[in-house]
Amino acid sequence: MREIKFRAWDKKEKAMVYDVIVKGIWKSKIDPFTWFVEVIKDFDEFDEPIYFNPYDVEIMQYTGLKDKNNTEIYEGDLVEFVDLEGLYEIIFEKDYSRFACKNIKNKKTLPLFYRRVKKVVGNIYENPGLLESEK
């Protein structure tokens, strides 16, 4: 069974938050147009939840896969494959309910499940220069 894990990109702080628990999304009682995401990092009984406006955070799910260096692979990661040339972004295809890889240069999408990832080279949030260098 695949482990369900998340990480979050905090757009305001420009920082990745790992090992988060997404507890729920709800509307603000004060402002009906404001929604909140409750995210807890390093959860234990004494931690206070960290609240994010959903417009200020990007939530990414763990694919259940690791690269050759045992690095976990999440949505938004930029990877190199053993059997493919170029750099690929890990995405989730909602129409097919599966993780896939999208070539940075030609935008061609392939299913992820039968690919062997050589290494995670970064992600689209912390390493946007990688996207530009591949185009």
N, C-alpha and C. Protein backbone atom coordinates (compact mmCIF):
# COMPACT_ATOMS: atom_id res chain seq x y z
N MET A 1 0.83 -1.17 0.00
CA MET A 1 0.00 0.00 0.00
C MET A 1 0.89 1.25 0.00
N ARG A 2 0.50 2.27 -0.77
CA ARG A 2 1.28 3.49 -0.90
C ARG A 2 1.09 4.40 0.31
N GLU A 3 2.20 4.94 0.79
CA GLU A 3 2.16 5.86 1.92
C GLU A 3 1.60 7.21 1.45
N ILE A 4 0.64 7.77 2.17
CA ILE A 4 0.04 9.05 1.83
C ILE A 4 0.73 10.14 2.64
N LYS A 5 1.46 11.02 1.95
CA LYS A 5 2.19 12.10 2.60
C LYS A 5 2.05 13.36 1.75
N PHE A 6 2.24 14.51 2.39
CA PHE A 6 2.15 15.78 1.69
C PHE A 6 3.29 16.69 2.08
N ARG A 7 3.56 17.65 1.21
CA ARG A 7 4.42 18.77 1.51
C ARG A 7 3.69 20.01 1.00
N ALA A 8 4.13 21.18 1.44
CA ALA A 8 3.45 22.41 1.03
C ALA A 8 4.48 23.48 0.70
N TRP A 9 4.21 24.24 -0.37
CA TRP A 9 5.02 25.39 -0.71
C TRP A 9 4.31 26.63 -0.19
N ASP A 10 4.95 27.31 0.74
CA ASP A 10 4.41 28.54 1.32
C ASP A 10 4.81 29.69 0.41
N LYS A 11 3.84 30.23 -0.34
CA LYS A 11 4.12 31.27 -1.32
C LYS A 11 4.61 32.57 -0.67
N LYS A 12 4.11 32.88 0.51
CA LYS A 12 4.52 34.12 1.18
C LYS A 12 5.96 34.04 1.68
N GLU A 13 6.30 32.92 2.33
CA GLU A 13 7.63 32.76 2.90
C GLU A 13 8.64 32.21 1.90
N LYS A 14 8.13 31.76 0.74
CA LYS A 14 8.98 31.14 -0.30
C LYS A 14 9.79 30.00 0.29
N ALA A 15 9.07 29.09 0.98
CA ALA A 15 9.73 27.97 1.65
C ALA A 15 8.89 26.71 1.53
N MET A 16 9.57 25.57 1.42
CA MET A 16 8.90 24.28 1.36
C MET A 16 8.75 23.76 2.78
N VAL A 17 7.55 23.28 3.09
CA VAL A 17 7.26 22.71 4.40
C VAL A 17 7.02 21.22 4.18
N TYR A 18 7.87 20.39 4.76
CA TYR A 18 7.77 18.94 4.57
C TYR A 18 7.05 18.28 5.73
N ASP A 19 6.63 17.04 5.51
CA ASP A 19 5.98 16.22 6.53
C ASP A 19 4.78 16.92 7.14
N VAL A 20 3.90 17.40 6.28
CA VAL A 20 2.71 18.09 6.77
C VAL A 20 1.50 17.15 6.73
N ILE A 21 0.56 17.47 7.56
CA ILE A 21 -0.72 16.76 7.57
C ILE A 21 -1.78 17.76 7.14
N VAL A 22 -2.49 17.44 6.09
CA VAL A 22 -3.57 18.30 5.63
C VAL A 22 -4.83 17.79 6.31
N LYS A 23 -5.30 18.56 7.28
CA LYS A 23 -6.43 18.10 8.09
C LYS A 23 -7.78 18.47 7.49
N GLY A 24 -7.85 19.57 6.78
CA GLY A 24 -9.14 19.96 6.21
C GLY A 24 -9.10 21.33 5.59
N ILE A 25 -10.13 21.62 4.84
CA ILE A 25 -10.29 22.92 4.21
C ILE A 25 -11.68 23.41 4.57
N TRP A 26 -11.76 24.65 5.03
CA TRP A 26 -13.07 25.17 5.42
C TRP A 26 -13.15 26.67 5.16
N LYS A 27 -14.37 27.17 5.12
CA LYS A 27 -14.63 28.59 4.92
C LYS A 27 -14.48 29.35 6.23
N SER A 28 -14.04 30.59 6.11
CA SER A 28 -13.98 31.47 7.27
C SER A 28 -15.38 31.88 7.68
N LYS A 29 -15.64 31.93 8.97
CA LYS A 29 -16.95 32.37 9.46
C LYS A 29 -17.10 33.89 9.32
N ILE A 30 -16.00 34.60 9.32
CA ILE A 30 -16.03 36.06 9.22
C ILE A 30 -16.17 36.51 7.77
N ASP A 31 -15.36 35.93 6.90
CA ASP A 31 -15.37 36.31 5.48
C ASP A 31 -15.71 35.08 4.65
N PRO A 32 -16.92 35.01 4.06
CA PRO A 32 -17.34 33.81 3.32
C PRO A 32 -16.51 33.52 2.07
N PHE A 33 -15.70 34.50 1.63
CA PHE A 33 -14.88 34.28 0.45
C PHE A 33 -13.48 33.79 0.80
N THR A 34 -13.20 33.63 2.08
CA THR A 34 -11.89 33.16 2.53
C THR A 34 -11.98 31.71 2.99
N TRP A 35 -11.08 30.90 2.46
CA TRP A 35 -10.98 29.50 2.84
C TRP A 35 -9.65 29.29 3.52
N PHE A 36 -9.59 28.33 4.43
CA PHE A 36 -8.35 28.03 5.13
C PHE A 36 -8.00 26.56 4.99
N VAL A 37 -6.70 26.30 4.99
CA VAL A 37 -6.19 24.94 4.97
C VAL A 37 -5.44 24.74 6.27
N GLU A 38 -5.81 23.72 7.03
CA GLU A 38 -5.09 23.43 8.27
C GLU A 38 -3.97 22.46 7.96
N VAL A 39 -2.76 22.90 8.16
CA VAL A 39 -1.58 22.09 7.90
C VAL A 39 -0.78 22.03 9.19
N ILE A 40 -0.40 20.82 9.59
CA ILE A 40 0.39 20.64 10.81
C ILE A 40 1.73 20.05 10.43
N LYS A 41 2.80 20.66 10.91
CA LYS A 41 4.14 20.15 10.65
C LYS A 41 4.67 19.50 11.91
N ASP A 42 5.34 18.35 11.74
CA ASP A 42 5.94 17.62 12.86
C ASP A 42 4.93 17.48 14.00
N PHE A 43 3.82 16.93 13.71
CA PHE A 43 2.69 16.87 14.64
C PHE A 43 3.01 16.05 15.88
N ASP A 44 2.71 16.62 17.02
CA ASP A 44 2.64 15.88 18.27
C ASP A 44 1.56 16.55 19.12
N GLU A 45 1.31 16.05 20.28
CA GLU A 45 0.18 16.53 21.07
C GLU A 45 0.33 17.98 21.52
N PHE A 46 1.54 18.55 21.44
CA PHE A 46 1.75 19.92 21.90
C PHE A 46 1.80 20.94 20.77
N ASP A 47 1.85 20.47 19.52
CA ASP A 47 1.94 21.40 18.39
C ASP A 47 0.62 22.12 18.15
N GLU A 48 0.74 23.39 17.81
CA GLU A 48 -0.41 24.17 17.39
C GLU A 48 -0.50 24.07 15.86
N PRO A 49 -1.68 23.95 15.31
CA PRO A 49 -1.80 23.89 13.84
C PRO A 49 -1.35 25.20 13.20
N ILE A 50 -0.80 25.09 12.01
CA ILE A 50 -0.45 26.25 11.21
C ILE A 50 -1.55 26.41 10.18
N TYR A 51 -2.14 27.59 10.11
CA TYR A 51 -3.24 27.82 9.17
C TYR A 51 -2.74 28.63 7.98
N PHE A 52 -3.13 28.18 6.79
CA PHE A 52 -2.78 28.88 5.55
C PHE A 52 -4.05 29.22 4.79
N ASN A 53 -4.07 30.38 4.18
CA ASN A 53 -5.09 30.67 3.19
C ASN A 53 -4.74 29.79 1.99
N PRO A 54 -5.69 29.07 1.40
CA PRO A 54 -5.34 28.16 0.30
C PRO A 54 -4.72 28.87 -0.91
N TYR A 55 -4.91 30.17 -1.03
CA TYR A 55 -4.27 30.91 -2.12
C TYR A 55 -2.80 31.19 -1.83
N ASP A 56 -2.37 30.97 -0.60
CA ASP A 56 -0.99 31.23 -0.19
C ASP A 56 -0.14 29.98 -0.10
N VAL A 57 -0.68 28.84 -0.46
CA VAL A 57 0.05 27.58 -0.31
C VAL A 57 -0.28 26.64 -1.46
N GLU A 58 0.71 25.86 -1.87
CA GLU A 58 0.52 24.80 -2.85
C GLU A 58 0.79 23.48 -2.15
N ILE A 59 -0.20 22.59 -2.14
CA ILE A 59 -0.08 21.29 -1.50
C ILE A 59 0.33 20.27 -2.57
N MET A 60 1.34 19.46 -2.26
CA MET A 60 1.82 18.43 -3.19
C MET A 60 1.83 17.08 -2.50
N GLN A 61 1.41 16.06 -3.21
CA GLN A 61 1.34 14.72 -2.64
C GLN A 61 2.55 13.89 -3.04
N TYR A 62 2.95 13.04 -2.13
CA TYR A 62 4.03 12.08 -2.36
C TYR A 62 3.54 11.01 -3.32
N THR A 63 4.35 10.65 -4.31
CA THR A 63 3.94 9.67 -5.32
C THR A 63 4.04 8.23 -4.82
N GLY A 64 4.77 8.02 -3.74
CA GLY A 64 5.03 6.66 -3.27
C GLY A 64 6.29 6.08 -3.87
N LEU A 65 6.97 6.86 -4.73
CA LEU A 65 8.19 6.41 -5.39
C LEU A 65 9.40 7.16 -4.86
N LYS A 66 10.57 6.55 -5.05
CA LYS A 66 11.84 7.17 -4.69
C LYS A 66 12.80 7.04 -5.85
N ASP A 67 13.76 7.96 -5.92
CA ASP A 67 14.76 7.87 -6.98
C ASP A 67 15.87 6.90 -6.55
N LYS A 68 16.90 6.78 -7.38
CA LYS A 68 17.99 5.84 -7.08
C LYS A 68 18.76 6.19 -5.81
N ASN A 69 18.66 7.46 -5.37
CA ASN A 69 19.33 7.90 -4.14
C ASN A 69 18.41 7.82 -2.93
N ASN A 70 17.26 7.19 -3.09
CA ASN A 70 16.26 7.02 -2.03
C ASN A 70 15.56 8.33 -1.63
N THR A 71 15.55 9.31 -2.55
CA THR A 71 14.86 10.58 -2.33
C THR A 71 13.39 10.42 -2.72
N GLU A 72 12.50 10.83 -1.83
CA GLU A 72 11.06 10.73 -2.12
C GLU A 72 10.69 11.67 -3.26
N ILE A 73 9.74 11.22 -4.10
CA ILE A 73 9.32 11.99 -5.26
C ILE A 73 7.90 12.50 -5.03
N TYR A 74 7.74 13.83 -5.15
CA TYR A 74 6.46 14.51 -4.96
C TYR A 74 6.02 15.18 -6.25
N GLU A 75 4.73 15.53 -6.30
CA GLU A 75 4.25 16.39 -7.38
C GLU A 75 5.11 17.65 -7.38
N GLY A 76 5.38 18.17 -8.56
CA GLY A 76 6.18 19.39 -8.67
C GLY A 76 7.68 19.15 -8.70
N ASP A 77 8.12 17.93 -8.46
CA ASP A 77 9.55 17.63 -8.55
C ASP A 77 9.99 17.60 -10.00
N LEU A 78 11.25 17.97 -10.21
CA LEU A 78 11.88 17.89 -11.52
C LEU A 78 12.86 16.73 -11.48
N VAL A 79 12.68 15.79 -12.41
CA VAL A 79 13.45 14.54 -12.35
C VAL A 79 14.09 14.21 -13.69
N GLU A 80 15.12 13.38 -13.60
CA GLU A 80 15.74 12.76 -14.76
C GLU A 80 15.45 11.27 -14.68
N PHE A 81 15.22 10.65 -15.84
CA PHE A 81 14.91 9.22 -15.90
C PHE A 81 16.08 8.43 -16.46
N VAL A 82 16.14 7.16 -16.10
CA VAL A 82 17.16 6.25 -16.59
C VAL A 82 16.99 6.05 -18.10
N ASP A 83 15.73 5.92 -18.56
CA ASP A 83 15.45 5.55 -19.95
C ASP A 83 14.96 6.69 -20.84
N LEU A 84 14.96 7.94 -20.35
CA LEU A 84 14.48 9.07 -21.14
C LEU A 84 15.47 10.22 -21.10
N GLU A 85 15.55 10.98 -22.18
CA GLU A 85 16.40 12.17 -22.23
C GLU A 85 15.62 13.37 -21.72
N GLY A 86 16.30 14.32 -21.10
CA GLY A 86 15.69 15.58 -20.71
C GLY A 86 15.19 15.59 -19.28
N LEU A 87 14.60 16.71 -18.94
CA LEU A 87 14.08 16.96 -17.60
C LEU A 87 12.56 16.87 -17.62
N TYR A 88 11.99 16.26 -16.59
CA TYR A 88 10.53 16.05 -16.51
C TYR A 88 9.99 16.57 -15.19
N GLU A 89 8.78 17.13 -15.26
CA GLU A 89 8.06 17.56 -14.06
C GLU A 89 7.07 16.48 -13.67
N ILE A 90 6.98 16.17 -12.39
CA ILE A 90 6.01 15.20 -11.89
C ILE A 90 4.69 15.95 -11.69
N ILE A 91 3.63 15.42 -12.30
CA ILE A 91 2.31 16.04 -12.21
C ILE A 91 1.27 14.97 -11.83
N PHE A 92 0.09 15.42 -11.46
CA PHE A 92 -1.03 14.51 -11.23
C PHE A 92 -2.06 14.77 -12.31
N GLU A 93 -2.40 13.76 -13.09
CA GLU A 93 -3.40 13.88 -14.15
C GLU A 93 -4.76 13.52 -13.57
N LYS A 94 -5.58 14.53 -13.35
CA LYS A 94 -6.89 14.32 -12.74
C LYS A 94 -7.81 13.46 -13.62
N ASP A 95 -7.71 13.64 -14.94
CA ASP A 95 -8.58 12.86 -15.84
C ASP A 95 -8.34 11.36 -15.74
N TYR A 96 -7.11 10.98 -15.42
CA TYR A 96 -6.75 9.57 -15.33
C TYR A 96 -6.51 9.11 -13.90
N SER A 97 -6.55 10.03 -12.95
CA SER A 97 -6.28 9.74 -11.53
C SER A 97 -4.95 9.03 -11.35
N ARG A 98 -3.90 9.63 -11.93
CA ARG A 98 -2.57 9.02 -11.83
C ARG A 98 -1.49 10.09 -11.85
N PHE A 99 -0.33 9.71 -11.33
CA PHE A 99 0.84 10.57 -11.44
C PHE A 99 1.45 10.36 -12.82
N ALA A 100 2.01 11.42 -13.37
CA ALA A 100 2.61 11.36 -14.70
C ALA A 100 3.85 12.25 -14.70
N CYS A 101 4.59 12.18 -15.80
CA CYS A 101 5.75 13.04 -15.97
C CYS A 101 5.57 13.84 -17.26
N LYS A 102 5.86 15.14 -17.17
CA LYS A 102 5.69 16.03 -18.32
C LYS A 102 7.05 16.56 -18.74
N ASN A 103 7.41 16.32 -20.00
CA ASN A 103 8.68 16.80 -20.52
C ASN A 103 8.68 18.32 -20.52
N ILE A 104 9.74 18.92 -19.99
CA ILE A 104 9.83 20.38 -19.88
C ILE A 104 9.90 21.04 -21.25
N LYS A 105 10.60 20.41 -22.20
CA LYS A 105 10.78 21.02 -23.53
C LYS A 105 9.54 20.89 -24.40
N ASN A 106 9.06 19.67 -24.60
CA ASN A 106 7.98 19.47 -25.57
C ASN A 106 6.60 19.29 -24.95
N LYS A 107 6.51 19.33 -23.63
CA LYS A 107 5.25 19.23 -22.88
C LYS A 107 4.53 17.89 -23.04
N LYS A 108 5.19 16.90 -23.63
CA LYS A 108 4.60 15.56 -23.78
C LYS A 108 4.49 14.90 -22.41
N THR A 109 3.34 14.28 -22.15
CA THR A 109 3.08 13.65 -20.85
C THR A 109 3.08 12.14 -20.99
N LEU A 110 3.73 11.48 -20.04
CA LEU A 110 3.80 10.02 -20.01
C LEU A 110 3.39 9.53 -18.62
N PRO A 111 2.79 8.33 -18.53
CA PRO A 111 2.48 7.78 -17.20
C PRO A 111 3.78 7.56 -16.42
N LEU A 112 3.71 7.73 -15.12
CA LEU A 112 4.90 7.61 -14.28
C LEU A 112 5.16 6.19 -13.81
N PHE A 113 4.12 5.37 -13.72
CA PHE A 113 4.22 4.10 -12.99
C PHE A 113 5.26 3.12 -13.51
N TYR A 114 5.65 3.17 -14.78
CA TYR A 114 6.63 2.19 -15.25
C TYR A 114 8.00 2.82 -15.55
N ARG A 115 8.21 4.05 -15.14
CA ARG A 115 9.48 4.73 -15.37
C ARG A 115 10.42 4.57 -14.17
N ARG A 116 11.72 4.47 -14.43
CA ARG A 116 12.72 4.43 -13.37
C ARG A 116 13.37 5.80 -13.26
N VAL A 117 13.20 6.44 -12.12
CA VAL A 117 13.75 7.77 -11.90
C VAL A 117 15.22 7.66 -11.50
N LYS A 118 16.06 8.32 -12.27
CA LYS A 118 17.49 8.34 -11.95
C LYS A 118 17.72 9.25 -10.74
N LYS A 119 17.20 10.49 -10.80
CA LYS A 119 17.38 11.37 -9.65
C LYS A 119 16.41 12.55 -9.70
N VAL A 120 16.09 13.04 -8.51
CA VAL A 120 15.33 14.28 -8.36
C VAL A 120 16.36 15.40 -8.39
N VAL A 121 16.19 16.34 -9.33
CA VAL A 121 17.17 17.42 -9.45
C VAL A 121 16.69 18.73 -8.82
N GLY A 122 15.43 18.77 -8.42
CA GLY A 122 14.88 19.97 -7.78
C GLY A 122 13.37 19.93 -7.86
N ASN A 123 12.75 21.10 -7.71
CA ASN A 123 11.30 21.20 -7.87
C ASN A 123 10.95 22.54 -8.49
N ILE A 124 9.72 22.68 -8.95
CA ILE A 124 9.32 23.86 -9.71
C ILE A 124 9.27 25.13 -8.87
N TYR A 125 9.23 25.00 -7.56
CA TYR A 125 9.13 26.17 -6.68
C TYR A 125 10.48 26.67 -6.20
N GLU A 126 11.34 25.77 -5.75
CA GLU A 126 12.65 26.16 -5.24
C GLU A 126 13.69 26.30 -6.34
N ASN A 127 13.44 25.71 -7.51
CA ASN A 127 14.41 25.72 -8.60
C ASN A 127 13.77 26.12 -9.93
N PRO A 128 13.11 27.28 -10.01
CA PRO A 128 12.45 27.67 -11.26
C PRO A 128 13.43 27.87 -12.41
N GLY A 129 14.68 28.15 -12.12
CA GLY A 129 15.69 28.31 -13.16
C GLY A 129 15.90 27.05 -13.98
N LEU A 130 15.67 25.90 -13.38
CA LEU A 130 15.79 24.64 -14.12
C LEU A 130 14.77 24.55 -15.25
N LEU A 131 13.58 25.09 -15.01
CA LEU A 131 12.55 25.09 -16.05
C LEU A 131 12.98 25.93 -17.23
N GLU A 132 13.54 27.09 -16.97
CA GLU A 132 13.96 28.00 -18.04
C GLU A 132 15.16 27.46 -18.81
N SER A 133 16.09 26.82 -18.10
CA SER A 133 17.29 26.31 -18.75
C SER A 133 16.99 25.16 -19.71
N GLU A 134 15.88 24.47 -19.50
CA GLU A 134 15.51 23.32 -20.33
C GLU A 134 14.70 23.72 -21.56
N LYS A 135 14.18 24.92 -21.59
CA LYS A 135 13.30 25.33 -22.72
C LYS A 135 14.08 25.71 -23.93
